[in-house]
Each structure stands twice: as C-alpha cells, then as structure tokens.
Amino acid sequence: MGERDRMDSDEDGQRIALVEERLEVGTREIERGRVQIRTKVDTREELVETALRQDEVQVDRVPIDRPVETVPVVREEDGVLIVPIMEERLVVTKQLFLKEELRIRTRTRVEAVRQPVLLRSERAEVTRTHTPDHRNTDDATEESTDGR
C-alpha cells in the first residue's frame, strides 16, 4: 500500500490517515520435563540394649506355734513383709494359735538384654524426563535418601 492509498481527498482538502502499531504481550506454558518419584523401603538390623527389671520373691516359713487372742495384722519389718498364718485347734477350750509367719523378702535385679530389631526407612528416587522439544543433556536420576 502506497502513501497515496492512505490519503483520501475530499472536497475541502486532503485527509491524512494516521497509523498506529499496538503490542500484545502474553505467556504460554511449555512442558520442559516431567518428574517421577518412587519410594523404596530399606530394612536394616540394629542391636538394641536395654535393662529389664525382675522381682524375685523369697518366702521363709517361721514356725511360731503359740496361742493368740486375735488375728495379728500383716506387717512389715526391715523391708520384710510378715503375713500371719492362723489355725484353729480343738482343746478343752478353744484357743487361737499363731501357727507360723511367712517372711517375704523382695529383691530386685537388673539384667542387660541385647536383641536385634528390624528398622525400616524410606528413600525417594526422582527421575526427570524431558520432552522431545526441550532436551537437557544431563538426563540423570536424582536420589534423596535419609542421609545414610
């Protein structure tokens, strides 16, 4: 189109057409690659050590064999639990006899124990794949672990 085509004349004079350029800016999404993530479970054996508590009870029978008026109460003397054992006996008159006492001692013992335990941890494998239009030269597999 020439200069002359842009100009129109009318009866009173000449008319000049003005031209303006406009700019339109936009964005578009381009796929540059994809990521694939897989988790794997690793199993490892670790040796654990702990202390286990056990209570052992020793019972000593102490013969008493004497009459009592009432049933003695269960009591503790020097860390020993004393439990009275009663028995009725037939006599001309009925009497209550303290037959024996049980003397119970408690002893605590600590034992160290070692035992294998299976522990699991996960690690992620990330694989990047690129589209044919946007190839990257370093098609590598990235791996993220738990630091071991």
C-alpha atoms as a PDB file:
ATOM      1  CA  MET A   1       0.000   0.000   0.000  1.00  0.00           C
ATOM      2  CA  GLY A   2       1.481   3.333  -1.029  1.00  0.00           C
ATOM      3  CA  GLU A   3       1.319   6.745   0.607  1.00  0.00           C
ATOM      4  CA  ARG A   4      -1.241   7.768  -1.767  1.00  0.00           C
ATOM      5  CA  ASP A   5      -3.595   4.925  -0.844  1.00  0.00           C
ATOM      6  CA  ARG A   6      -3.537   6.042   2.767  1.00  0.00           C
ATOM      7  CA  MET A   7      -4.547   9.541   1.912  1.00  0.00           C
ATOM      8  CA  ASP A   8      -8.064  10.391   0.849  1.00  0.00           C
ATOM      9  CA  SER A   9      -9.064  13.695  -0.573  1.00  0.00           C
ATOM     10  CA  ASP A  10     -12.407  15.255  -0.071  1.00  0.00           C
ATOM     11  CA  GLU A  11     -13.911  18.391  -1.499  1.00  0.00           C
ATOM     12  CA  ASP A  12     -12.498  20.763   1.099  1.00  0.00           C
ATOM     13  CA  GLY A  13      -8.994  19.420   1.379  1.00  0.00           C
ATOM     14  CA  GLN A  14      -6.817  16.467   1.935  1.00  0.00           C
ATOM     15  CA  ARG A  15      -7.228  13.853   4.590  1.00  0.00           C
ATOM     16  CA  ILE A  16      -4.231  12.016   6.112  1.00  0.00           C
ATOM     17  CA  ALA A  17      -4.683   8.630   7.714  1.00  0.00           C
ATOM     18  CA  LEU A  18      -2.592   8.002  10.827  1.00  0.00           C
ATOM     19  CA  VAL A  19      -1.321   4.500  11.505  1.00  0.00           C
ATOM     20  CA  GLU A  20      -0.537   3.163  14.972  1.00  0.00           C
ATOM     21  CA  GLU A  21       1.157  -0.085  15.975  1.00  0.00           C
ATOM     22  CA  ARG A  22      -0.060  -1.926  19.038  1.00  0.00           C
ATOM     23  CA  LEU A  23       1.750  -4.525  21.085  1.00  0.00           C
ATOM     24  CA  GLU A  24       0.121  -7.522  22.705  1.00  0.00           C
ATOM     25  CA  VAL A  25       2.186  -9.448  25.274  1.00  0.00           C
ATOM     26  CA  GLY A  26       1.217 -12.858  26.586  1.00  0.00           C
ATOM     27  CA  THR A  27       2.678 -16.047  28.016  1.00  0.00           C
ATOM     28  CA  ARG A  28       2.187 -19.692  27.270  1.00  0.00           C
ATOM     29  CA  GLU A  29       3.136 -22.798  29.196  1.00  0.00           C
ATOM     30  CA  ILE A  30       5.743 -25.087  27.710  1.00  0.00           C
ATOM     31  CA  GLU A  31       6.411 -28.508  29.194  1.00  0.00           C
ATOM     32  CA  ARG A  32      10.150 -28.800  29.736  1.00  0.00           C
ATOM     33  CA  GLY A  33      10.196 -32.082  31.557  1.00  0.00           C
ATOM     34  CA  ARG A  34       8.481 -34.406  33.980  1.00  0.00           C
ATOM     35  CA  VAL A  35       9.433 -35.851  37.349  1.00  0.00           C
ATOM     36  CA  GLN A  36       8.748 -39.389  38.520  1.00  0.00           C
ATOM     37  CA  ILE A  37       9.115 -40.173  42.240  1.00  0.00           C
ATOM     38  CA  ARG A  38       9.309 -43.696  43.662  1.00  0.00           C
ATOM     39  CA  THR A  39       9.743 -44.603  47.327  1.00  0.00           C
ATOM     40  CA  LYS A  40      11.634 -47.675  48.412  1.00  0.00           C
ATOM     41  CA  VAL A  41      11.745 -49.205  51.876  1.00  0.00           C
ATOM     42  CA  ASP A  42      15.141 -50.290  53.128  1.00  0.00           C
ATOM     43  CA  THR A  43      15.352 -52.662  56.088  1.00  0.00           C
ATOM     44  CA  ARG A  44      18.297 -52.687  58.443  1.00  0.00           C
ATOM     45  CA  GLU A  45      19.002 -54.589  61.599  1.00  0.00           C
ATOM     46  CA  GLU A  46      20.133 -52.723  64.677  1.00  0.00           C
ATOM     47  CA  LEU A  47      21.121 -54.133  68.039  1.00  0.00           C
ATOM     48  CA  VAL A  48      19.202 -52.573  70.922  1.00  0.00           C
ATOM     49  CA  GLU A  49      20.300 -52.774  74.517  1.00  0.00           C
ATOM     50  CA  THR A  50      18.026 -52.134  77.485  1.00  0.00           C
ATOM     51  CA  ALA A  51      17.661 -53.057  81.136  1.00  0.00           C
ATOM     52  CA  LEU A  52      14.781 -55.307  82.188  1.00  0.00           C
ATOM     53  CA  ARG A  53      13.669 -55.403  85.825  1.00  0.00           C
ATOM     54  CA  GLN A  54      12.657 -58.626  87.555  1.00  0.00           C
ATOM     55  CA  ASP A  55      11.349 -59.050  91.080  1.00  0.00           C
ATOM     56  CA  GLU A  56      12.227 -62.269  92.862  1.00  0.00           C
ATOM     57  CA  VAL A  57      10.358 -63.326  95.996  1.00  0.00           C
ATOM     58  CA  GLN A  58      11.823 -65.473  98.740  1.00  0.00           C
ATOM     59  CA  VAL A  59       9.382 -66.971 101.268  1.00  0.00           C
ATOM     60  CA  ASP A  60      10.683 -68.286 104.597  1.00  0.00           C
ATOM     61  CA  ARG A  61       8.301 -70.257 106.846  1.00  0.00           C
ATOM     62  CA  VAL A  62       8.945 -69.492 110.517  1.00  0.00           C
ATOM     63  CA  PRO A  63       7.096 -71.833 112.936  1.00  0.00           C
ATOM     64  CA  ILE A  64       5.522 -69.909 115.869  1.00  0.00           C
ATOM     65  CA  ASP A  65       3.015 -72.383 117.388  1.00  0.00           C
ATOM     66  CA  ARG A  66       1.634 -70.215 120.231  1.00  0.00           C
ATOM     67  CA  PRO A  67      -1.911 -69.183 121.126  1.00  0.00           C
ATOM     68  CA  VAL A  68      -3.107 -65.647 120.347  1.00  0.00           C
ATOM     69  CA  GLU A  69      -6.243 -63.728 121.343  1.00  0.00           C
ATOM     70  CA  THR A  70      -6.843 -62.033 117.958  1.00  0.00           C
ATOM     71  CA  VAL A  71      -5.594 -62.453 114.411  1.00  0.00           C
ATOM     72  CA  PRO A  72      -2.329 -60.497 114.020  1.00  0.00           C
ATOM     73  CA  VAL A  73      -2.243 -57.954 111.179  1.00  0.00           C
ATOM     74  CA  VAL A  74       0.012 -58.193 108.165  1.00  0.00           C
ATOM     75  CA  ARG A  75       3.070 -56.034 108.909  1.00  0.00           C
ATOM     76  CA  GLU A  76       6.458 -55.073 107.530  1.00  0.00           C
ATOM     77  CA  GLU A  77       9.720 -55.205 109.482  1.00  0.00           C
ATOM     78  CA  ASP A  78      13.038 -54.090 107.968  1.00  0.00           C
ATOM     79  CA  GLY A  79      11.745 -54.456 104.413  1.00  0.00           C
ATOM     80  CA  VAL A  80      10.304 -57.926 105.110  1.00  0.00           C
ATOM     81  CA  LEU A  81       6.552 -58.456 104.752  1.00  0.00           C
ATOM     82  CA  ILE A  82       5.197 -60.692 107.557  1.00  0.00           C
ATOM     83  CA  VAL A  83       1.908 -62.499 106.905  1.00  0.00           C
ATOM     84  CA  PRO A  84       0.420 -64.460 109.831  1.00  0.00           C
ATOM     85  CA  ILE A  85      -0.993 -67.928 109.079  1.00  0.00           C
ATOM     86  CA  MET A  86      -3.735 -68.946 111.506  1.00  0.00           C
ATOM     87  CA  GLU A  87      -5.039 -72.348 112.567  1.00  0.00           C
ATOM     88  CA  GLU A  88      -7.780 -73.353 114.968  1.00  0.00           C
ATOM     89  CA  ARG A  89      -7.077 -76.261 117.263  1.00  0.00           C
ATOM     90  CA  LEU A  90      -9.541 -78.243 119.332  1.00  0.00           C
ATOM     91  CA  VAL A  91      -8.733 -78.135 123.023  1.00  0.00           C
ATOM     92  CA  VAL A  92     -10.830 -78.188 126.174  1.00  0.00           C
ATOM     93  CA  THR A  93     -11.252 -74.540 125.455  1.00  0.00           C
ATOM     94  CA  LYS A  94     -10.939 -73.127 122.016  1.00  0.00           C
ATOM     95  CA  GLN A  95      -7.826 -71.014 121.583  1.00  0.00           C
ATOM     96  CA  LEU A  96      -6.371 -69.154 118.665  1.00  0.00           C
ATOM     97  CA  PHE A  97      -2.795 -70.171 117.899  1.00  0.00           C
ATOM     98  CA  LEU A  98      -0.343 -68.316 115.737  1.00  0.00           C
ATOM     99  CA  LYS A  99       0.931 -71.266 113.777  1.00  0.00           C
ATOM    100  CA  GLU A 100       3.563 -69.589 111.664  1.00  0.00           C
ATOM    101  CA  GLU A 101       4.502 -66.374 109.860  1.00  0.00           C
ATOM    102  CA  LEU A 102       5.539 -66.003 106.292  1.00  0.00           C
ATOM    103  CA  ARG A 103       8.533 -63.694 105.913  1.00  0.00           C
ATOM    104  CA  ILE A 104       8.616 -62.400 102.369  1.00  0.00           C
ATOM    105  CA  ARG A 105      11.624 -60.527 101.012  1.00  0.00           C
ATOM    106  CA  THR A 106      11.599 -58.753  97.696  1.00  0.00           C
ATOM    107  CA  ARG A 107      14.818 -58.414  95.783  1.00  0.00           C
ATOM    108  CA  THR A 108      15.121 -56.523  92.522  1.00  0.00           C
ATOM    109  CA  ARG A 109      17.663 -57.495  89.933  1.00  0.00           C
ATOM    110  CA  VAL A 110      18.520 -55.654  86.702  1.00  0.00           C
ATOM    111  CA  GLU A 111      19.609 -57.590  83.654  1.00  0.00           C
ATOM    112  CA  ALA A 112      21.048 -56.050  80.459  1.00  0.00           C
ATOM    113  CA  VAL A 113      19.453 -57.535  77.350  1.00  0.00           C
ATOM    114  CA  ARG A 114      20.609 -57.327  73.725  1.00  0.00           C
ATOM    115  CA  GLN A 115      18.156 -58.075  70.992  1.00  0.00           C
ATOM    116  CA  PRO A 116      18.254 -57.444  67.213  1.00  0.00           C
ATOM    117  CA  VAL A 117      15.426 -55.205  65.943  1.00  0.00           C
ATOM    118  CA  LEU A 118      14.471 -54.565  62.282  1.00  0.00           C
ATOM    119  CA  LEU A 119      14.025 -50.870  61.471  1.00  0.00           C
ATOM    120  CA  ARG A 120      12.704 -49.517  58.156  1.00  0.00           C
ATOM    121  CA  SER A 121      13.424 -46.242  56.407  1.00  0.00           C
ATOM    122  CA  GLU A 122      12.156 -44.840  53.111  1.00  0.00           C
ATOM    123  CA  ARG A 123      14.135 -43.209  50.351  1.00  0.00           C
ATOM    124  CA  ALA A 124      12.820 -41.392  47.289  1.00  0.00           C
ATOM    125  CA  GLU A 125      14.150 -41.829  43.764  1.00  0.00           C
ATOM    126  CA  VAL A 126      13.370 -38.889  41.435  1.00  0.00           C
ATOM    127  CA  THR A 127      13.728 -39.372  37.696  1.00  0.00           C
ATOM    128  CA  ARG A 128      13.426 -36.360  35.376  1.00  0.00           C
ATOM    129  CA  THR A 129      12.169 -36.935  31.833  1.00  0.00           C
ATOM    130  CA  HIS A 130      12.319 -34.153  29.233  1.00  0.00           C
ATOM    131  CA  THR A 131      10.012 -33.506  26.310  1.00  0.00           C
ATOM    132  CA  PRO A 132      11.499 -34.005  22.820  1.00  0.00           C
ATOM    133  CA  ASP A 133      11.442 -30.229  22.104  1.00  0.00           C
ATOM    134  CA  HIS A 134      13.365 -29.236  25.233  1.00  0.00           C
ATOM    135  CA  ARG A 135      16.051 -31.861  25.763  1.00  0.00           C
ATOM    136  CA  ASN A 136      18.545 -31.403  28.536  1.00  0.00           C
ATOM    137  CA  THR A 137      21.922 -33.081  28.223  1.00  0.00           C
ATOM    138  CA  ASP A 138      22.003 -34.261  31.829  1.00  0.00           C
ATOM    139  CA  ASP A 139      19.169 -36.834  31.921  1.00  0.00           C
ATOM    140  CA  ALA A 140      20.239 -38.124  35.330  1.00  0.00           C
ATOM    141  CA  THR A 141      18.434 -39.779  38.153  1.00  0.00           C
ATOM    142  CA  GLU A 142      18.412 -37.772  41.365  1.00  0.00           C
ATOM    143  CA  GLU A 143      18.171 -39.729  44.594  1.00  0.00           C
ATOM    144  CA  SER A 144      17.262 -38.361  48.009  1.00  0.00           C
ATOM    145  CA  THR A 145      17.892 -40.633  50.997  1.00  0.00           C
ATOM    146  CA  ASP A 146      17.731 -40.294  54.737  1.00  0.00           C
ATOM    147  CA  GLY A 147      21.416 -39.384  54.904  1.00  0.00           C
ATOM    148  CA  ARG A 148      22.893 -42.889  55.413  1.00  0.00           C
END
